[in-house]
């Protein structure tokens, strides 16, 4: 089948699975994996190139996540994130590696380390799909998102070190540690440089051509790929480079773009891109799994074992991963709490349910599959890579079982965890709106005298009247927030009625405009401009309506 046709079919299936998930009530990642596997059984086969997969899908998705991750919250959970993304990766690599070598002595230790390292990255996208529609403690989610941003890189760097040890037949801990630091630090430096460079370009060049939104959008779409490829060409971590680029832009210019029109179009394109890429990732995962697992079963049977032994091996490895994750979280939390108490600071200690939820939330996904499939076929001496099919089958099985474990346990655990910060964002939005309104009033009042002095006659009177209306609107907003509950409820009811009438008016305008077009009273160029005006007004009114508190029904 032609590549173009294959891509179009996969995109169509991605859209259909997102529609079907509202009916079948199955977590979207699992549904898309299952559909991908069914497509493979039906004869729709897609070859999988791990290096191409890592290039096309991972940099833009990690860049987008890093670009949006809350800066303040990332600082608050920085220590737990680093402990999970770096410390836990190394702990998992060593612990699972020794366990697999002990359980399967015919697997070389370095190859066991490679399997353990590639199993260490977690998949925040799969976790979000599993928990879709369910409330999660914000701090808990921020920690898992931050971990997933960084542990892809640390896991793949550890994986490459282990694979190199298998290839050369020797291993040096000091050399491996030095290589890890250089690759990680270099990737961060490359990503930071690209982020800073794009910020300067936007500030001094693109901002002066705000009408050319397409230039900004095209450049920011290419940015994670450029950062990734540059780092890879320098034998550094391309994944960390893409993450660092997104974080740098987040720190320097949150949500990017100098003008609102550019931001709206950029967000729309990025959301579409993420929607398509996330769906394609899980479909491709499902398309590869049947052949991988079938090969694993054949090898197991050929070795004189039952296929159930492969399932037992996979389940045992997953159990060790969960137990090691639990132990690490307990140790890291205990150490951090002790250090904080010694410094006279209080750090909240997660409860038992939170630790259990963190342990089973380590869902494995596409990065694990891409990494394990990149194992070389042959060693330099011409022999096959030791136990390659078994390692690939085990990793694929862990991916599926980790998702099933999270589906079965995580909603129950999360549902019993407190949500202490549930209203924190709403309160902050309310305070921010007040301060923004006060800032607008101060700015207008400060500039009003000078603006009036530059005008005479009718122009001065019109400007003064406009300033009076604008200031009255801002003061009315502040007054509504200062009123007691009864007056606030009446003000909100008045606003609901006004927005409902305005939305009805906008829709009537659109209907009349279409009638004019059908009668050829206006041309399509005028229609396009009028539609854009009406769409912006309707979007603004709909957004205001969504932010109003729901009316309480007794």
Protein backbone atom coordinates (compact mmCIF):
# COMPACT_ATOMS: atom_id res chain seq x y z
CA UNK A 1 0.00 0.00 0.00
CA UNK A 2 1.25 3.49 -0.83
CA UNK A 3 2.64 5.51 2.11
CA UNK A 4 0.22 8.38 1.52
CA UNK A 5 -2.77 6.03 1.62
CA UNK A 6 -1.46 4.41 4.80
CA UNK A 7 -1.11 7.78 6.55
CA UNK A 8 -4.60 8.89 5.50
CA UNK A 9 -6.12 5.62 6.73
CA UNK A 10 -4.33 5.91 10.09
CA UNK A 11 -5.52 9.51 10.52
CA UNK A 12 -9.08 8.47 9.70
CA UNK A 13 -8.93 5.61 12.21
CA UNK A 14 -7.55 8.04 14.82
CA UNK A 15 -10.55 10.31 14.35
CA UNK A 16 -13.01 7.39 14.47
CA UNK A 17 -11.53 5.96 17.68
CA UNK A 18 -11.88 9.34 19.36
CA UNK A 19 -15.57 9.27 18.42
CA UNK A 20 -16.00 5.65 19.45
CA UNK A 21 -14.47 6.15 22.91
CA UNK A 22 -17.57 8.09 24.00
CA UNK A 23 -19.68 5.00 23.25
CA UNK A 24 -17.57 2.02 24.33
CA UNK A 25 -16.31 3.65 27.56
CA UNK A 26 -12.80 2.22 27.22
CA UNK A 27 -9.70 4.37 27.90
CA UNK A 28 -8.66 5.89 24.58
CA UNK A 29 -5.06 4.55 24.53
CA UNK A 30 -6.24 0.97 25.09
CA UNK A 31 -8.97 1.34 22.47
CA UNK A 32 -6.52 2.65 19.88
CA UNK A 33 -4.01 -0.13 20.66
CA UNK A 34 -6.80 -2.72 20.31
CA UNK A 35 -7.96 -1.20 17.01
CA UNK A 36 -4.37 -1.19 15.76
CA UNK A 37 -4.01 -4.88 16.66
CA UNK A 38 -7.29 -5.68 14.88
CA UNK A 39 -6.04 -3.85 11.79
CA UNK A 40 -2.89 -5.97 11.87
CA UNK A 41 -4.94 -9.17 12.13
CA UNK A 42 -7.04 -7.94 9.19
CA UNK A 43 -3.92 -7.69 7.02
CA UNK A 44 -3.18 -3.97 7.36
CA UNK A 45 0.53 -4.07 8.17
CA UNK A 46 2.70 -1.00 8.80
CA UNK A 47 6.47 -1.23 9.12
CA UNK A 48 7.99 0.49 12.14
CA UNK A 49 11.27 2.41 11.97
CA UNK A 50 12.27 3.29 15.58
CA UNK A 51 14.62 6.14 14.63
CA UNK A 52 12.03 7.70 12.30
CA UNK A 53 9.36 7.26 14.98
CA UNK A 54 11.48 9.03 17.60
CA UNK A 55 12.18 11.87 15.15
CA UNK A 56 8.63 12.48 13.92
CA UNK A 57 6.54 12.01 17.05
CA UNK A 58 8.54 12.50 20.23
CA UNK A 59 10.16 15.97 19.78
CA UNK A 60 6.96 17.92 18.98
CA UNK A 61 4.91 16.19 21.68
CA UNK A 62 7.52 16.65 24.42
CA UNK A 63 8.13 20.23 23.27
CA UNK A 64 4.41 21.00 23.52
CA UNK A 65 4.17 19.45 26.99
CA UNK A 66 7.23 21.39 28.18
CA UNK A 67 5.86 24.58 26.60
CA UNK A 68 2.63 24.32 28.60
CA UNK A 69 3.77 22.84 31.90
CA UNK A 70 3.05 25.33 34.73
CA UNK A 71 6.27 27.14 35.58
CA UNK A 72 5.51 27.75 39.25
CA UNK A 73 4.25 24.22 39.87
CA UNK A 74 7.26 22.76 38.07
CA UNK A 75 9.49 24.68 40.49
CA UNK A 76 7.48 23.45 43.46
CA UNK A 77 7.79 19.79 42.44
CA UNK A 78 11.30 20.06 40.99
CA UNK A 79 12.94 17.84 43.60
CA UNK A 80 10.43 14.95 43.31
CA UNK A 81 10.55 15.21 39.51
CA UNK A 82 14.35 14.94 39.40
CA UNK A 83 14.24 12.09 41.92
CA UNK A 84 11.84 10.17 39.67
CA UNK A 85 13.20 11.16 36.27
CA UNK A 86 16.88 10.52 37.03
CA UNK A 87 17.25 8.71 40.36
CA UNK A 88 14.42 6.25 39.76
CA UNK A 89 15.61 5.55 36.20
CA UNK A 90 19.06 4.54 37.45
CA UNK A 91 17.57 2.63 40.39
CA UNK A 92 15.23 0.77 38.03
CA UNK A 93 17.97 0.04 35.52
CA UNK A 94 20.21 -1.52 38.14
CA UNK A 95 17.47 -3.30 40.12
CA UNK A 96 15.51 -4.77 37.22
CA UNK A 97 18.71 -5.52 35.31
CA UNK A 98 20.15 -7.66 38.11
CA UNK A 99 16.75 -9.30 38.67
CA UNK A 100 16.33 -10.29 35.01
CA UNK A 101 19.91 -11.62 34.89
CA UNK A 102 19.27 -13.61 38.08
CA UNK A 103 15.94 -14.94 36.78
CA UNK A 104 17.28 -15.68 33.27
CA UNK A 105 21.02 -16.41 33.63
CA UNK A 106 21.41 -16.93 29.88
CA UNK A 107 20.63 -13.20 29.35
CA UNK A 108 23.89 -11.23 29.65
CA UNK A 109 23.92 -8.64 32.41
CA UNK A 110 24.44 -5.75 29.99
CA UNK A 111 21.48 -6.92 27.86
CA UNK A 112 19.36 -7.16 31.02
CA UNK A 113 20.39 -3.60 31.87
CA UNK A 114 19.30 -2.53 28.37
CA UNK A 115 15.85 -4.05 28.92
CA UNK A 116 15.56 -2.43 32.35
CA UNK A 117 16.66 0.97 31.04
CA UNK A 118 14.16 0.98 28.18
CA UNK A 119 11.39 0.02 30.62
CA UNK A 120 12.14 3.00 32.87
CA UNK A 121 10.50 5.84 30.81
CA UNK A 122 6.84 6.48 31.61
CA UNK A 123 4.11 7.71 29.27
CA UNK A 124 2.12 10.70 30.55
CA UNK A 125 -0.10 10.70 27.44
CA UNK A 126 -1.27 7.15 28.10
CA UNK A 127 -1.87 8.03 31.75
CA UNK A 128 -3.91 11.10 30.79
CA UNK A 129 -6.00 8.96 28.46
CA UNK A 130 -6.61 6.40 31.18
CA UNK A 131 -7.64 9.10 33.67
CA UNK A 132 -9.66 11.13 31.16
CA UNK A 133 -12.72 12.69 32.77
CA UNK A 134 -11.51 11.99 36.32
CA UNK A 135 -10.22 14.58 38.77
CA UNK A 136 -6.63 14.20 39.91
CA UNK A 137 -4.70 16.13 42.56
CA UNK A 138 -2.84 18.82 40.64
CA UNK A 139 0.47 18.27 42.43
CA UNK A 140 0.26 14.54 41.69
CA UNK A 141 -0.34 15.19 37.97
CA UNK A 142 2.39 17.82 37.75
CA UNK A 143 4.92 15.40 39.24
CA UNK A 144 4.00 12.68 36.75
CA UNK A 145 4.09 15.12 33.82
CA UNK A 146 7.48 16.46 34.84
CA UNK A 147 8.81 12.93 35.30
CA UNK A 148 7.61 11.88 31.84
CA UNK A 149 9.24 14.95 30.27
CA UNK A 150 12.69 14.04 31.55
CA UNK A 151 12.81 10.28 32.03
CA UNK A 152 12.45 9.58 28.31
CA UNK A 153 15.89 11.09 27.86
CA UNK A 154 17.51 9.56 30.94
CA UNK A 155 16.05 6.15 30.13
CA UNK A 156 17.20 6.18 26.49
CA UNK A 157 20.67 7.45 27.43
CA UNK A 158 20.99 4.60 29.95
CA UNK A 159 19.67 2.21 27.30
CA UNK A 160 22.26 3.34 24.75
CA UNK A 161 25.05 2.95 27.31
CA UNK A 162 23.92 -0.61 28.08
CA UNK A 163 23.63 -1.50 24.38
CA UNK A 164 27.13 -0.13 23.78
CA UNK A 165 28.41 -2.36 26.59
CA UNK A 166 26.86 -5.39 24.89
CA UNK A 167 28.37 -4.40 21.55
CA UNK A 168 31.93 -3.90 22.84
CA UNK A 169 31.75 -6.60 25.47
CA UNK A 170 32.89 -4.42 28.40
CA UNK A 171 31.46 -1.86 30.77
CA UNK A 172 33.03 1.03 32.69
CA UNK A 173 30.90 2.68 35.37
CA UNK A 174 32.95 5.89 35.42
CA UNK A 175 32.89 6.18 31.64
CA UNK A 176 29.16 5.48 31.55
CA UNK A 177 28.48 8.13 34.22
CA UNK A 178 30.60 10.70 32.38
CA UNK A 179 28.85 9.90 29.10
CA UNK A 180 25.45 10.26 30.77
CA UNK A 181 26.31 13.70 32.16
CA UNK A 182 27.78 14.97 28.89
CA UNK A 183 24.89 13.74 26.76
CA UNK A 184 22.26 15.14 29.13
CA UNK A 185 23.93 18.49 29.82
CA UNK A 186 24.74 18.97 26.15
CA UNK A 187 21.16 18.28 25.12
CA UNK A 188 19.87 20.78 27.68
CA UNK A 189 22.34 23.40 26.44
CA UNK A 190 21.35 22.92 22.80
CA UNK A 191 17.65 23.13 23.67
CA UNK A 192 18.14 26.21 25.82
CA UNK A 193 20.07 27.92 23.02
CA UNK A 194 17.32 27.21 20.49
CA UNK A 195 14.62 28.44 22.87
CA UNK A 196 16.51 31.65 23.63
CA UNK A 197 17.26 32.21 19.95
CA UNK A 198 13.63 31.82 18.93
CA UNK A 199 12.53 34.20 21.68
CA UNK A 200 14.92 36.86 20.38
CA UNK A 201 13.75 36.26 16.81
CA UNK A 202 10.14 36.67 17.87
CA UNK A 203 10.90 39.74 19.96
CA UNK A 204 12.92 41.71 17.40
CA UNK A 205 11.79 40.38 14.01
CA UNK A 206 8.52 38.44 14.04
CA UNK A 207 6.76 40.93 16.32
CA UNK A 208 7.20 43.58 13.64
CA UNK A 209 5.39 41.37 11.12
CA UNK A 210 2.39 40.42 13.19
CA UNK A 211 0.24 40.16 10.08
CA UNK A 212 2.38 37.21 8.95
CA UNK A 213 1.15 34.69 11.52
CA UNK A 214 2.04 31.83 9.19
CA UNK A 215 5.76 32.62 9.54
CA UNK A 216 5.62 32.32 13.33
CA UNK A 217 3.55 29.13 13.22
CA UNK A 218 5.81 27.45 10.67
CA UNK A 219 8.97 28.32 12.59
CA UNK A 220 7.64 27.15 15.94
CA UNK A 221 6.49 23.88 14.35
CA UNK A 222 10.01 23.32 13.01
CA UNK A 223 11.70 24.40 16.26
CA UNK A 224 11.55 21.07 18.21
CA UNK A 225 12.76 19.14 15.16
CA UNK A 226 15.69 21.52 14.65
CA UNK A 227 16.65 21.28 18.32
CA UNK A 228 16.36 17.48 18.30
CA UNK A 229 18.34 16.97 15.08
CA UNK A 230 21.10 19.37 16.12
CA UNK A 231 21.60 17.58 19.44
CA UNK A 232 21.52 14.16 17.77
CA UNK A 233 24.11 15.30 15.21
CA UNK A 234 26.37 16.27 18.12
CA UNK A 235 25.80 12.86 19.81
CA UNK A 236 23.80 14.54 22.57
CA UNK A 237 20.28 13.92 23.87
CA UNK A 238 17.82 15.13 21.23
CA UNK A 239 14.88 14.43 23.52
CA UNK A 240 16.27 16.61 26.30
CA UNK A 241 17.02 19.29 23.71
CA UNK A 242 13.37 19.36 22.60
CA UNK A 243 12.21 19.51 26.23
CA UNK A 244 14.68 22.27 27.10
CA UNK A 245 13.54 24.32 24.10
CA UNK A 246 9.92 24.16 25.29
CA UNK A 247 10.79 24.95 28.90
CA UNK A 248 13.00 27.89 27.86
CA UNK A 249 10.21 29.46 25.81
CA UNK A 250 7.81 28.84 28.69
CA UNK A 251 10.12 30.71 31.06
CA UNK A 252 10.89 33.59 28.70
CA UNK A 253 7.62 34.12 26.87
CA UNK A 254 4.76 31.98 28.18
CA UNK A 255 2.29 30.87 25.50
CA UNK A 256 4.28 32.66 22.83
CA UNK A 257 3.49 35.09 20.11
CA UNK A 258 3.17 38.84 20.40
CA UNK A 259 -0.42 39.09 19.20
CA UNK A 260 -3.62 37.32 20.13
CA UNK A 261 -4.41 36.22 16.58
CA UNK A 262 -1.05 34.43 16.36
CA UNK A 263 -1.60 32.71 19.70
CA UNK A 264 -5.07 31.50 18.74
CA UNK A 265 -3.91 30.06 15.44
CA UNK A 266 -0.80 28.51 17.01
CA UNK A 267 -2.83 26.81 19.76
CA UNK A 268 -5.36 25.52 17.22
CA UNK A 269 -2.65 23.97 15.05
CA UNK A 270 -0.73 22.52 17.99
CA UNK A 271 -3.88 20.95 19.45
CA UNK A 272 -4.69 19.35 16.09
CA UNK A 273 -1.13 18.10 15.75
CA UNK A 274 -1.15 16.60 19.26
CA UNK A 275 -4.54 15.01 18.65
CA UNK A 276 -3.29 13.31 15.47
CA UNK A 277 0.16 12.32 16.78
CA UNK A 278 -1.10 10.86 20.05
CA UNK A 279 -3.63 8.75 18.19
CA UNK A 280 -1.09 7.60 15.61
CA UNK A 281 1.36 6.58 18.35
CA UNK A 282 -1.08 4.17 19.98
CA UNK A 283 -2.35 2.85 16.66
CA UNK A 284 1.23 2.09 15.58
CA UNK A 285 1.83 0.48 18.95
CA UNK A 286 -1.15 -1.79 18.41
CA UNK A 287 -0.09 -2.60 14.85
CA UNK A 288 3.30 -3.87 16.07
CA UNK A 289 2.20 -5.84 19.14
CA UNK A 290 0.61 -8.94 17.51
CA UNK A 291 3.74 -9.80 15.51
CA UNK A 292 6.02 -9.09 18.48
CA UNK A 293 4.01 -11.20 20.92
CA UNK A 294 3.55 -14.00 18.36
CA UNK A 295 7.31 -14.12 17.88
CA UNK A 296 7.78 -14.27 21.64
CA UNK A 297 5.35 -17.16 21.94
CA UNK A 298 7.11 -19.06 19.14
CA UNK A 299 10.48 -18.63 20.81
CA UNK A 300 9.08 -19.72 24.17
CA UNK A 301 7.48 -22.85 22.69
CA UNK A 302 10.61 -23.62 20.67
CA UNK A 303 12.63 -23.49 23.91
CA UNK A 304 10.32 -26.12 25.43
CA UNK A 305 8.27 -23.79 27.63
CA UNK A 306 4.57 -22.96 27.76
CA UNK A 307 3.32 -19.65 26.31
CA UNK A 308 2.04 -18.93 29.81
CA UNK A 309 5.66 -18.77 30.94
CA UNK A 310 6.14 -15.68 28.77
CA UNK A 311 3.10 -14.07 30.42
CA UNK A 312 4.46 -15.03 33.84
CA UNK A 313 7.85 -13.53 32.99
CA UNK A 314 6.25 -10.29 31.79
CA UNK A 315 4.03 -10.06 34.87
CA UNK A 316 6.98 -10.71 37.17
CA UNK A 317 9.05 -7.98 35.55
CA UNK A 318 6.14 -5.54 35.87
CA UNK A 319 5.69 -6.48 39.53
CA UNK A 320 9.39 -5.77 40.18
CA UNK A 321 9.05 -2.41 38.39
CA UNK A 322 6.09 -1.45 40.59
CA UNK A 323 7.78 -2.60 43.80
CA UNK A 324 11.01 -0.76 43.00
CA UNK A 325 9.02 2.37 42.18
CA UNK A 326 7.18 2.08 45.50
CA UNK A 327 10.45 1.62 47.42
CA UNK A 328 12.09 4.56 45.66
CA UNK A 329 9.16 6.91 46.32
CA UNK A 330 9.17 5.96 50.01
CA UNK A 331 12.95 6.43 50.29
CA UNK A 332 12.99 9.72 48.38
CA UNK A 333 10.06 11.08 50.38
CA UNK A 334 11.65 10.09 53.69
CA UNK A 335 15.01 11.62 52.81
CA UNK A 336 13.46 14.85 51.55
CA UNK A 337 11.25 15.16 54.62
CA UNK A 338 14.23 14.62 56.93
CA UNK A 339 16.38 17.20 55.12
CA UNK A 340 13.54 19.73 55.18
CA UNK A 341 12.96 19.24 58.91
CA UNK A 342 16.67 19.72 59.55
CA UNK A 343 16.44 23.05 57.72
CA UNK A 344 13.37 24.07 59.68
CA UNK A 345 10.95 23.78 56.75
CA UNK A 346 7.78 21.77 56.43
CA UNK A 347 7.26 19.58 53.37
CA UNK A 348 3.96 17.69 52.99
CA UNK A 349 4.42 13.92 53.11
CA UNK A 350 2.26 11.94 50.68
CA UNK A 351 -0.02 9.35 52.20
CA UNK A 352 -0.01 5.63 51.56
CA UNK A 353 -2.68 5.90 48.82
CA UNK A 354 -0.67 8.60 47.03
CA UNK A 355 2.46 6.45 47.10
CA UNK A 356 0.52 3.44 45.77
CA UNK A 357 -1.01 5.60 43.03
CA UNK A 358 2.43 6.90 42.04
CA UNK A 359 3.72 3.34 41.91
CA UNK A 360 1.06 2.06 39.48
CA UNK A 361 0.97 5.31 37.48
CA UNK A 362 4.28 4.43 35.82
CA UNK A 363 2.59 3.41 32.56
CA UNK A 364 4.97 2.39 29.78
CA UNK A 365 4.30 3.41 26.21
CA UNK A 366 5.64 4.24 22.78
CA UNK A 367 9.15 5.35 23.81
CA UNK A 368 9.72 1.94 25.41
CA UNK A 369 8.62 0.16 22.23
CA UNK A 370 10.69 2.40 19.95
CA UNK A 371 13.74 1.94 22.16
CA UNK A 372 13.56 -1.85 22.41
CA UNK A 373 12.94 -2.21 18.66
CA UNK A 374 16.10 -0.22 17.99
CA UNK A 375 18.23 -3.04 19.44
CA UNK A 376 20.81 -3.97 16.79
CA UNK A 377 20.33 -7.27 15.01
CA UNK A 378 24.01 -8.22 15.00
CA UNK A 379 27.08 -7.69 17.17
CA UNK A 380 30.37 -6.50 15.62
CA UNK A 381 31.59 -10.11 15.49
CA UNK A 382 28.63 -11.10 13.30
CA UNK A 383 26.68 -12.95 16.00
CA UNK A 384 23.09 -12.03 16.78
CA UNK A 385 22.29 -9.61 19.62
CA UNK A 386 21.77 -11.88 22.64
CA UNK A 387 18.13 -12.81 23.28
CA UNK A 388 16.84 -9.89 21.21
CA UNK A 389 13.38 -11.41 20.45
CA UNK A 390 12.84 -12.32 24.10
CA UNK A 391 13.76 -8.81 25.27
CA UNK A 392 11.42 -7.22 22.70
CA UNK A 393 8.51 -9.53 23.63
CA UNK A 394 9.01 -8.87 27.34
CA UNK A 395 9.04 -5.10 26.83
CA UNK A 396 5.89 -5.24 24.67
CA UNK A 397 4.12 -7.35 27.28
CA UNK A 398 5.07 -4.92 30.06
CA UNK A 399 3.60 -2.03 28.03
CA UNK A 400 0.20 -3.75 27.81
CA UNK A 401 0.16 -5.06 31.38
CA UNK A 402 1.22 -1.68 32.84
CA UNK A 403 -1.71 0.00 31.08
CA UNK A 404 -4.14 -2.67 32.27
CA UNK A 405 -2.82 -2.36 35.83
CA UNK A 406 -3.33 1.42 35.75
CA UNK A 407 -6.84 1.06 34.31
CA UNK A 408 -7.85 -1.42 37.03
CA UNK A 409 -6.28 0.27 40.06
CA UNK A 410 -5.56 3.95 39.46
CA UNK A 411 -9.16 5.29 39.30
CA UNK A 412 -9.94 3.51 42.60
CA UNK A 413 -6.83 4.92 44.29
CA UNK A 414 -7.29 8.45 42.92
CA UNK A 415 -10.96 8.46 43.91
CA UNK A 416 -9.95 7.98 47.55
CA UNK A 417 -7.25 10.62 47.59
CA UNK A 418 -8.09 14.12 48.91
CA UNK A 419 -8.18 17.03 46.47
CA UNK A 420 -6.89 19.85 48.69
CA UNK A 421 -6.10 22.20 45.83
CA UNK A 422 -9.28 21.69 43.82
CA UNK A 423 -10.31 25.38 43.97
CA UNK A 424 -6.82 26.87 43.91
CA UNK A 425 -6.86 27.76 40.24
CA UNK A 426 -10.38 29.24 40.40
CA UNK A 427 -9.37 31.46 43.32
CA UNK A 428 -6.21 32.56 41.53
CA UNK A 429 -8.17 33.41 38.38
CA UNK A 430 -10.58 35.51 40.42
CA UNK A 431 -7.74 37.39 42.14
CA UNK A 432 -5.93 37.87 38.84
CA UNK A 433 -9.04 39.32 37.18
CA UNK A 434 -9.39 41.80 40.03
CA UNK A 435 -5.77 42.89 39.81
CA UNK A 436 -5.95 43.10 36.00
CA UNK A 437 -9.03 45.33 36.22
CA UNK A 438 -7.34 47.53 38.83
CA UNK A 439 -4.24 47.77 36.65
CA UNK A 440 -6.35 48.78 33.64
CA UNK A 441 -8.10 51.50 35.68
CA UNK A 442 -4.76 52.88 36.92
CA UNK A 443 -3.30 52.92 33.41
CA UNK A 444 -6.31 54.69 31.85
CA UNK A 445 -6.57 57.27 34.65
CA UNK A 446 -2.82 57.99 34.47
CA UNK A 447 -2.83 58.54 30.69
CA UNK A 448 -6.20 60.26 30.41
CA UNK A 449 -5.10 63.87 31.22
CA UNK A 450 -2.29 63.85 28.65
CA UNK A 451 -4.55 62.26 26.03
CA UNK A 452 -7.24 64.93 26.61
CA UNK A 453 -4.68 67.76 26.34
CA UNK A 454 -3.78 66.58 22.83
CA UNK A 455 -7.41 66.81 21.68
CA UNK A 456 -9.77 69.71 21.18
CA UNK A 457 -13.46 70.19 20.68
CA UNK A 458 -15.54 67.23 19.60
CA UNK A 459 -12.56 64.87 19.60
CA UNK A 460 -11.82 65.73 23.24
CA UNK A 461 -15.46 65.24 24.27
CA UNK A 462 -15.69 61.89 22.43
CA UNK A 463 -12.46 60.63 24.02
CA UNK A 464 -13.57 61.74 27.48
CA UNK A 465 -16.92 60.03 27.07
CA UNK A 466 -15.25 56.82 25.85
CA UNK A 467 -12.88 56.84 28.83
CA UNK A 468 -15.82 57.32 31.18
CA UNK A 469 -17.63 54.27 29.72
CA UNK A 470 -14.54 52.08 29.79
CA UNK A 471 -13.72 53.00 33.39
CA UNK A 472 -17.35 52.41 34.36
CA UNK A 473 -17.18 48.90 32.88
CA UNK A 474 -14.01 48.06 34.82
CA UNK A 475 -15.44 49.45 38.07
CA UNK A 476 -18.60 47.46 37.51
CA UNK A 477 -16.47 44.30 37.26
CA UNK A 478 -14.76 45.16 40.55
CA UNK A 479 -18.04 45.99 42.22
CA UNK A 480 -19.49 42.62 41.22
CA UNK A 481 -16.55 40.87 42.88
CA UNK A 482 -16.92 42.95 46.06
CA UNK A 483 -20.65 42.33 46.51
CA UNK A 484 -22.02 39.82 48.99
CA UNK A 485 -23.26 36.42 47.87
CA UNK A 486 -26.83 37.57 47.18
CA UNK A 487 -25.78 40.50 45.00
CA UNK A 488 -23.14 38.39 43.24
CA UNK A 489 -25.73 35.77 42.36
CA UNK A 490 -28.05 38.44 40.93
CA UNK A 491 -25.18 39.99 38.96
CA UNK A 492 -24.27 36.58 37.54
CA UNK A 493 -27.90 35.94 36.62
CA UNK A 494 -28.01 39.30 34.83
CA UNK A 495 -24.82 38.43 32.98
CA UNK A 496 -26.18 35.01 31.97
CA UNK A 497 -29.29 36.64 30.52
CA UNK A 498 -27.26 39.26 28.65
CA UNK A 499 -24.88 36.68 27.17
CA UNK A 500 -27.80 34.45 26.12
CA UNK A 501 -29.41 37.37 24.29
CA UNK A 502 -26.15 38.43 22.66
CA UNK A 503 -25.46 34.86 21.48
CA UNK A 504 -28.96 34.69 20.02
CA UNK A 505 -28.29 37.98 18.26
CA UNK A 506 -24.97 36.75 16.85
CA UNK A 507 -26.63 33.62 15.46
CA UNK A 508 -29.40 35.70 13.93
CA UNK A 509 -26.75 37.91 12.29
CA UNK A 510 -25.06 34.82 10.86
CA UNK A 511 -28.37 33.53 9.48
CA UNK A 512 -29.09 36.88 7.85
CA UNK A 513 -25.59 37.03 6.37
CA UNK A 514 -26.09 33.61 4.80
CA UNK A 515 -29.40 34.75 3.40
CA UNK A 516 -27.66 37.75 1.82
CA UNK A 517 -25.08 35.44 0.27
CA UNK A 518 -27.75 33.14 -1.16
CA UNK A 519 -29.39 36.18 -2.79
CA UNK A 520 -25.95 37.28 -4.13
CA UNK A 521 -26.32 40.57 -2.23
CA UNK A 522 -22.72 40.23 -0.96
CA UNK A 523 -19.70 38.44 -2.39
CA UNK A 524 -17.63 35.69 -0.73
CA UNK A 525 -14.83 38.06 0.27
CA UNK A 526 -17.28 40.09 2.37
CA UNK A 527 -18.76 36.86 3.75
CA UNK A 528 -15.35 35.67 4.89
CA UNK A 529 -14.66 38.90 6.79
CA UNK A 530 -18.12 38.92 8.37
CA UNK A 531 -17.85 35.28 9.42
CA UNK A 532 -14.53 35.97 11.15
CA UNK A 533 -16.05 38.90 13.07
CA UNK A 534 -19.06 36.85 14.16
CA UNK A 535 -16.94 33.83 15.10
CA UNK A 536 -14.67 35.95 17.32
CA UNK A 537 -17.65 37.55 19.04
CA UNK A 538 -19.37 34.20 19.55
CA UNK A 539 -16.17 32.62 20.87
CA UNK A 540 -15.72 35.46 23.38
CA UNK A 541 -19.32 35.25 24.61
CA UNK A 542 -19.21 31.46 24.86
CA UNK A 543 -15.98 31.63 26.86
CA UNK A 544 -17.51 34.12 29.31
CA UNK A 545 -20.56 31.89 29.68
CA UNK A 546 -18.37 28.87 30.48
CA UNK A 547 -16.50 30.78 33.20
CA UNK A 548 -19.68 31.77 35.04
CA UNK A 549 -20.58 29.56 38.05
CA UNK A 550 -23.30 27.02 37.31
CA UNK A 551 -26.72 28.05 38.50
CA UNK A 552 -27.72 26.13 41.59
CA UNK A 553 -30.97 24.19 41.24
CA UNK A 554 -32.83 23.49 44.49
